[in-house]
Structure formats: C-alpha cells, structure tokens
Amino acid sequence: MDSKILLENGTNELEILEFTLGGNSYGVNVAKIREIIPYQAVTPVPNAHPSVEGIFMPREVMITAIDLKNCLQRGESDNKGLFIVTNFNKLDIAFHVEEVVGIHRVSWMDIIKPDATISNSEDGVATGIIKIDNKLIIILDFEKIISDISPETGLRIEQIEAMGQRDRCDVPILIAEDSALLNKLIVDSLYKAGYTNLTHTENGQEAWNFICKCRDEGTLGTHVKCVITDIEMPLMDGHRLTRLIKESSDLKNIPVIIFSSLVNDEMKRKGEQLGADAQLSKPEIGNLVLKIDEVLNK
C-alpha cells in the first residue's frame, strides 16, 4: 500500500528514514525529505556557525549544508557520505550523514518519547526513539537543530509584538504540540495576542482524550472551541487528530488549524482531505493569530 494514502487517511502512521553517524542509528520523518544525493563539495561561508559546512547549488537552487555529526557533538564529517536534502519551515537544508540504511513504516503509537535523562524537554534534539529488530533508532528534531544554528528560523515572535495591544478574548483554545519549547512559545504568543483561555497538550492523543472527557462531561463548549495542532507528534499525530474530530458528528464544527513545519503543497492536500479548516507553516506565528481570528469570527 502506498504510504501517501496512509497519511492522507490519517491512520497515525509515518515513514522513518534510518541513517547512521559514528556507528549509531538515527531517523527522520520521510515527509521532510526532498531527495538523497551523494556528498558533493561545498563552498564554505565566512563566519558561519561551526556546524554549517557551506553552501552548494544543485539544479540552480542554493542549499545550506549542515554537518550533522558536528551538531550531535560526535566530531566532524569527512568528504564522504550522503546529503539528506530536506524541506521544512520553507527552508531547503542538506544534512550530511554517513550512510542511509532504509525506510521503516511505523505507527506514532510505537514511538517512545525520550525522558529527561536522554533529552532535556526544551534543549534536546531527540523527539522520539523507536525499536526495530532489537535496534534503537533515535529520531532527530531537525527543526530544533536548525533553530539552534540560526534562531531567526524559529517562531517569529516579533510578529506578535508588531500587532500591538489587542482586546482580550476568553474563547477556549486547545493546543497539541509535542515540543516543550514550541508549546510554551505558542501559548505565550497567543496570550500576548489576546487569547487567554488556552489548554496545551503534548500530543494528539492527549488532546483527543481531553476532547472526549469534555464531551462526556457536557463541557465541550466551555473548554474547546478551536484546536491548533502540530503534525508530527508521538502517540497520535495531527492528521489523525484532525480526522477524528472531523469525522465525529458532534465535533466536526470545531475549527482545526494545523500549525506545522511540514505544511507544504503535498501536506496541504492531505490536510484538506481530512477537513482541516486552515494550515500554516510554523514560523508564521503572526499569521496563526490572524487565522484564529478568522475562523472564530466565522
């Protein structure tokens, strides 16, 4: 079965590309990957971050090359291996790795969130761990790696400050975001923008459990009138959460806004098929506020 169909139907599955660095296994969501190409010479950039190898231009598109081994404090890569060329947050970035092992189709339910001994909730770059054939594969947060190298690629908080003083609004909004840092930034940003009744959860499953609890207690209108969700989350992803909401006759009128680094043309089509009311790329926090204004006014 085609993996794209699985994702379109919101079945809570994804494909992980396994690759190696220093003899260890790591993984990244295939949805972020544009292509995999052999290593090629790059042009160094003066005064760049130590993890930035340089730039190169395959097919007339300039791409920044990142030494992933350096990012993980495992030394520096040699002029061998492969580039995993990715696209997220509207950026084209190539990550230098040693070897690509293969692709594994897994369920978000099977991904274990690392505890504090492995990855600090706000500073770590490991988003999950999956066990395949008695081997542990650490799934890396490429967005966090890039934002550490170049903070301006993260949430553009200045967009909220530019909005100035706004009226307070107590419409209840539910947020599903697994990154502790981004969860906090989104909550803080929405509060500054006037939205004061915010409930934040760590993944789609936690958000869905909260919705079901409110529905059973008859308090749904008091606690959930809009849902903002990431796509990539352990236990339950944002596409599955969207599908569950939009296929429920008593929930389908709740606006669902997908706010993710993976919002590209293909992912937008999948979100539309699942019934998402809006989809926005994660850096554009100002646009998120405007879209919340719009869907709530409707």
Protein backbone atom coordinates (compact mmCIF):
# COMPACT_ATOMS: atom_id res chain seq x y z
CA MET A 1 0.00 0.00 0.00
CA ASP A 2 1.24 3.48 -0.85
CA SER A 3 2.40 5.38 2.24
CA LYS A 4 0.91 8.61 0.88
CA ILE A 5 -2.54 7.02 1.04
CA LEU A 6 -1.93 6.05 4.65
CA LEU A 7 -1.05 9.61 5.57
CA GLU A 8 -3.95 11.07 3.60
CA ASN A 9 -6.37 8.89 5.52
CA GLY A 10 -4.97 9.94 8.88
CA THR A 11 -4.08 6.44 10.02
CA ASN A 12 -1.44 7.63 12.51
CA GLU A 13 1.43 6.09 10.55
CA LEU A 14 4.62 7.58 9.16
CA GLU A 15 7.78 6.52 7.43
CA ILE A 16 11.14 6.95 9.14
CA LEU A 17 14.39 7.14 7.18
CA GLU A 18 17.14 5.42 9.13
CA PHE A 19 20.70 6.69 8.71
CA THR A 20 23.98 6.33 10.58
CA LEU A 21 26.56 8.61 12.17
CA GLY A 22 29.53 7.30 14.11
CA GLY A 23 28.09 3.80 14.11
CA ASN A 24 24.81 4.93 15.72
CA SER A 25 21.36 4.82 14.15
CA TYR A 26 19.20 7.91 13.76
CA GLY A 27 15.97 8.67 11.97
CA VAL A 28 13.94 11.46 10.39
CA ASN A 29 10.39 11.64 9.06
CA VAL A 30 10.41 10.91 5.31
CA ALA A 31 7.83 13.69 4.85
CA LYS A 32 10.63 16.23 5.42
CA ILE A 33 12.91 14.78 2.73
CA ARG A 34 13.14 16.06 -0.83
CA GLU A 35 15.93 13.78 -2.01
CA ILE A 36 19.10 11.95 -1.01
CA ILE A 37 22.24 12.71 -3.00
CA PRO A 38 25.93 11.73 -2.79
CA TYR A 39 28.15 14.17 -0.91
CA GLN A 40 29.49 16.95 -3.12
CA ALA A 41 31.95 19.74 -2.49
CA VAL A 42 30.53 22.81 -0.78
CA THR A 43 31.64 26.43 -0.64
CA PRO A 44 32.49 27.49 2.93
CA VAL A 45 30.68 30.55 4.27
CA PRO A 46 32.83 33.06 6.24
CA ASN A 47 31.94 33.42 9.94
CA ALA A 48 29.27 30.73 9.68
CA HIS A 49 28.19 28.53 12.58
CA PRO A 50 30.65 25.64 13.19
CA SER A 51 28.01 23.12 12.11
CA VAL A 52 27.47 24.83 8.75
CA GLU A 53 29.74 23.14 6.21
CA GLY A 54 28.88 25.62 3.47
CA ILE A 55 26.57 26.05 0.50
CA PHE A 56 26.10 24.36 -2.86
CA MET A 57 23.73 24.74 -5.81
CA PRO A 58 22.36 21.58 -7.38
CA ARG A 59 19.96 22.45 -10.21
CA GLU A 60 20.39 26.19 -9.57
CA VAL A 61 18.88 26.04 -6.07
CA MET A 62 21.15 27.21 -3.25
CA ILE A 63 21.17 24.80 -0.31
CA THR A 64 22.90 25.10 3.07
CA ALA A 65 24.86 22.01 4.11
CA ILE A 66 24.85 21.05 7.79
CA ASP A 67 27.43 18.75 9.38
CA LEU A 68 25.05 16.65 11.45
CA LYS A 69 27.90 14.83 13.17
CA ASN A 70 29.16 18.18 14.44
CA CYS A 71 25.67 19.14 15.63
CA LEU A 72 25.48 15.98 17.71
CA GLN A 73 28.95 16.60 19.15
CA ARG A 74 30.33 13.43 17.56
CA GLY A 75 33.26 15.08 15.78
CA GLU A 76 33.31 16.31 12.20
CA SER A 77 32.34 14.58 8.96
CA ASP A 78 34.79 13.85 6.17
CA ASN A 79 34.19 14.47 2.47
CA LYS A 80 32.24 11.25 2.05
CA GLY A 81 28.75 10.01 2.72
CA LEU A 82 25.43 11.48 1.66
CA PHE A 83 23.33 14.60 1.85
CA ILE A 84 19.75 14.23 3.05
CA VAL A 85 18.11 17.24 1.40
CA THR A 86 15.09 18.40 3.39
CA ASN A 87 12.37 20.99 3.12
CA PHE A 88 10.56 22.34 6.19
CA ASN A 89 9.71 25.78 7.53
CA LYS A 90 10.09 26.90 3.90
CA LEU A 91 13.83 26.14 4.01
CA ASP A 92 15.96 23.82 1.86
CA ILE A 93 18.65 22.25 4.07
CA ALA A 94 21.05 19.38 3.39
CA PHE A 95 22.17 17.23 6.33
CA HIS A 96 25.50 15.41 5.92
CA VAL A 97 25.27 11.78 7.09
CA GLU A 98 27.46 8.71 6.68
CA GLU A 99 25.07 6.09 5.36
CA VAL A 100 21.36 5.62 4.70
CA VAL A 101 20.09 2.24 5.92
CA GLY A 102 16.47 2.24 4.73
CA ILE A 103 12.89 3.29 5.39
CA HIS A 104 10.63 1.90 8.11
CA ARG A 105 6.87 2.35 8.24
CA VAL A 106 5.80 2.71 11.86
CA SER A 107 2.91 3.92 13.97
CA TRP A 108 3.20 7.03 16.10
CA MET A 109 1.97 4.81 18.94
CA ASP A 110 5.25 2.87 18.76
CA ILE A 111 7.47 5.92 19.15
CA ILE A 112 8.75 6.42 22.69
CA LYS A 113 9.26 9.96 23.91
CA PRO A 114 12.73 10.25 25.49
CA ASP A 115 12.85 11.06 29.19
CA ALA A 116 14.87 13.85 30.81
CA THR A 117 17.97 11.66 31.18
CA ILE A 118 18.21 11.45 27.38
CA SER A 119 16.83 14.74 26.15
CA ASN A 120 16.05 17.88 28.12
CA SER A 121 12.48 18.86 27.27
CA GLU A 122 13.41 22.25 25.84
CA ASP A 123 17.03 21.79 24.75
CA GLY A 124 17.18 18.25 23.38
CA VAL A 125 17.20 17.32 19.70
CA ALA A 126 15.76 13.80 20.14
CA THR A 127 12.00 13.77 19.62
CA GLY A 128 11.48 10.04 19.94
CA ILE A 129 13.00 6.55 19.99
CA ILE A 130 11.80 3.55 18.01
CA LYS A 131 12.92 -0.07 18.45
CA ILE A 132 13.23 -2.04 15.20
CA ASP A 133 14.80 -5.51 15.02
CA ASN A 134 16.24 -5.08 18.53
CA LYS A 135 17.93 -1.85 17.43
CA LEU A 136 17.16 1.55 18.89
CA ILE A 137 16.77 4.39 16.39
CA ILE A 138 16.84 7.96 17.74
CA ILE A 139 14.53 10.28 15.81
CA LEU A 140 16.05 13.71 15.50
CA ASP A 141 14.34 17.09 15.62
CA PHE A 142 15.81 18.73 12.52
CA GLU A 143 13.84 21.95 13.18
CA LYS A 144 15.40 22.29 16.62
CA ILE A 145 18.86 21.69 15.16
CA ILE A 146 18.36 24.45 12.60
CA SER A 147 16.83 26.91 15.09
CA ASP A 148 19.84 26.36 17.39
CA ILE A 149 22.14 27.21 14.49
CA SER A 150 20.00 30.11 13.24
CA PRO A 151 17.46 31.32 15.84
CA GLU A 152 15.70 33.60 13.33
CA THR A 153 14.32 30.48 11.61
CA GLY A 154 12.19 29.73 14.68
CA LEU A 155 8.85 31.23 15.65
CA ARG A 156 8.78 34.89 14.67
CA ILE A 157 7.69 36.32 17.98
CA GLU A 158 8.30 39.86 16.71
CA GLN A 159 5.17 39.44 14.56
CA ILE A 160 3.10 39.31 17.76
CA GLU A 161 4.79 42.37 19.20
CA ALA A 162 4.10 44.26 15.97
CA MET A 163 0.37 43.70 16.44
CA GLY A 164 0.37 45.98 19.46
CA GLN A 165 -2.33 45.93 22.12
CA ARG A 166 -5.28 43.70 21.30
CA ASP A 167 -8.58 43.02 23.07
CA ARG A 168 -8.68 40.09 25.50
CA CYS A 169 -10.61 37.02 24.31
CA ASP A 170 -11.57 34.07 26.50
CA VAL A 171 -12.69 31.70 23.73
CA PRO A 172 -11.24 28.29 24.78
CA ILE A 173 -8.44 27.07 22.50
CA LEU A 174 -6.82 23.63 22.71
CA ILE A 175 -3.19 23.26 21.55
CA ALA A 176 -1.45 19.98 20.65
CA GLU A 177 2.35 20.37 20.32
CA ASP A 178 4.96 17.86 21.47
CA SER A 179 7.94 20.25 21.63
CA ALA A 180 8.03 21.70 25.13
CA LEU A 181 9.78 24.82 23.89
CA LEU A 182 7.39 25.46 20.98
CA ASN A 183 4.39 24.63 23.15
CA LYS A 184 5.44 27.34 25.59
CA LEU A 185 6.23 29.84 22.82
CA ILE A 186 2.86 29.27 21.13
CA VAL A 187 0.97 29.65 24.40
CA ASP A 188 2.91 32.80 25.35
CA SER A 189 2.42 34.28 21.87
CA LEU A 190 -1.32 33.65 21.77
CA TYR A 191 -1.69 35.08 25.27
CA LYS A 192 0.13 38.23 24.20
CA ALA A 193 -2.18 38.40 21.19
CA GLY A 194 -5.21 38.44 23.49
CA TYR A 195 -6.23 34.78 23.73
CA THR A 196 -6.30 33.98 27.44
CA ASN A 197 -8.20 30.68 27.69
CA LEU A 198 -5.57 28.20 26.49
CA THR A 199 -5.17 24.50 27.19
CA HIS A 200 -1.96 22.89 25.95
CA THR A 201 -1.29 19.18 25.47
CA GLU A 202 1.84 17.27 24.43
CA ASN A 203 0.43 15.20 21.56
CA GLY A 204 -2.67 14.34 19.60
CA GLN A 205 -3.64 11.50 21.93
CA GLU A 206 -3.61 13.77 24.97
CA ALA A 207 -5.63 16.37 23.07
CA TRP A 208 -8.15 13.76 21.91
CA ASN A 209 -8.52 12.38 25.44
CA PHE A 210 -9.22 15.91 26.68
CA ILE A 211 -11.84 16.48 23.99
CA CYS A 212 -13.56 13.17 24.77
CA LYS A 213 -13.53 13.91 28.50
CA CYS A 214 -15.15 17.30 27.92
CA ARG A 215 -17.71 15.77 25.58
CA ASP A 216 -18.63 13.08 28.12
CA GLU A 217 -18.94 15.69 30.86
CA GLY A 218 -21.00 18.02 28.68
CA THR A 219 -18.41 20.82 28.98
CA LEU A 220 -17.04 20.81 25.44
CA GLY A 221 -18.29 24.32 24.65
CA THR A 222 -16.64 25.61 27.80
CA HIS A 223 -13.22 24.10 27.13
CA VAL A 224 -12.77 23.57 23.37
CA LYS A 225 -13.93 25.90 20.61
CA CYS A 226 -10.80 25.78 18.44
CA VAL A 227 -7.96 23.26 18.06
CA ILE A 228 -4.39 24.09 16.96
CA THR A 229 -2.27 21.06 16.20
CA ASP A 230 1.20 20.15 15.01
CA ILE A 231 1.51 17.22 12.57
CA GLU A 232 4.48 15.27 13.94
CA MET A 233 3.72 14.03 17.47
CA PRO A 234 4.24 10.72 19.30
CA LEU A 235 1.24 8.51 20.16
CA MET A 236 -1.10 10.40 17.79
CA ASP A 237 -0.19 12.81 15.02
CA GLY A 238 -2.08 15.92 13.98
CA HIS A 239 -3.59 14.35 10.87
CA ARG A 240 -5.14 11.54 12.91
CA LEU A 241 -6.44 14.06 15.47
CA THR A 242 -7.97 16.15 12.68
CA ARG A 243 -9.64 13.11 11.16
CA LEU A 244 -11.15 12.00 14.49
CA ILE A 245 -12.59 15.47 15.11
CA LYS A 246 -13.96 15.98 11.61
CA GLU A 247 -15.50 12.50 11.38
CA SER A 248 -17.43 12.98 14.65
CA SER A 249 -20.88 14.44 14.06
CA ASP A 250 -20.81 16.35 17.37
CA LEU A 251 -17.25 17.65 16.93
CA LYS A 252 -16.89 18.42 13.22
CA ASN A 253 -17.83 22.08 13.60
CA ILE A 254 -14.86 22.75 15.88
CA PRO A 255 -12.27 24.63 13.77
CA VAL A 256 -8.96 22.76 13.42
CA ILE A 257 -5.84 24.70 12.45
CA ILE A 258 -2.74 22.72 11.52
CA PHE A 259 0.39 24.65 12.52
CA SER A 260 3.45 22.71 11.43
CA SER A 261 6.86 22.90 9.80
CA LEU A 262 5.59 20.28 7.33
CA VAL A 263 2.96 22.44 5.67
CA ASN A 264 3.95 22.17 2.01
CA ASP A 265 1.76 21.64 -1.06
CA GLU A 266 1.50 17.87 -0.61
CA MET A 267 0.75 18.10 3.11
CA LYS A 268 -1.83 20.82 2.47
CA ARG A 269 -3.72 18.48 0.15
CA LYS A 270 -3.72 15.80 2.84
CA GLY A 271 -4.92 18.25 5.47
CA GLU A 272 -7.70 19.48 3.21
CA GLN A 273 -8.87 15.91 2.59
CA LEU A 274 -9.04 15.37 6.35
CA GLY A 275 -11.13 18.53 6.83
CA ALA A 276 -8.63 20.94 8.39
CA ASP A 277 -10.04 24.49 8.45
CA ALA A 278 -6.61 26.10 7.96
CA GLN A 279 -2.96 25.09 7.60
CA LEU A 280 0.02 27.33 8.33
CA SER A 281 3.79 27.00 8.32
CA LYS A 282 5.22 27.03 11.84
CA PRO A 283 7.43 30.16 11.70
CA GLU A 284 4.45 32.39 10.88
CA ILE A 285 3.03 32.84 14.37
CA GLY A 286 1.51 36.20 13.38
CA ASN A 287 -0.44 34.53 10.58
CA LEU A 288 -1.63 31.92 13.08
CA VAL A 289 -3.18 34.65 15.24
CA LEU A 290 -4.90 36.18 12.22
CA LYS A 291 -6.22 32.79 11.14
CA ILE A 292 -7.60 32.13 14.64
CA ASP A 293 -9.35 35.50 14.46
CA GLU A 294 -10.83 34.48 11.12
CA VAL A 295 -12.11 31.00 12.00
CA LEU A 296 -13.59 32.16 15.31
CA ASN A 297 -15.37 35.06 13.63
CA LYS A 298 -16.92 32.60 11.20
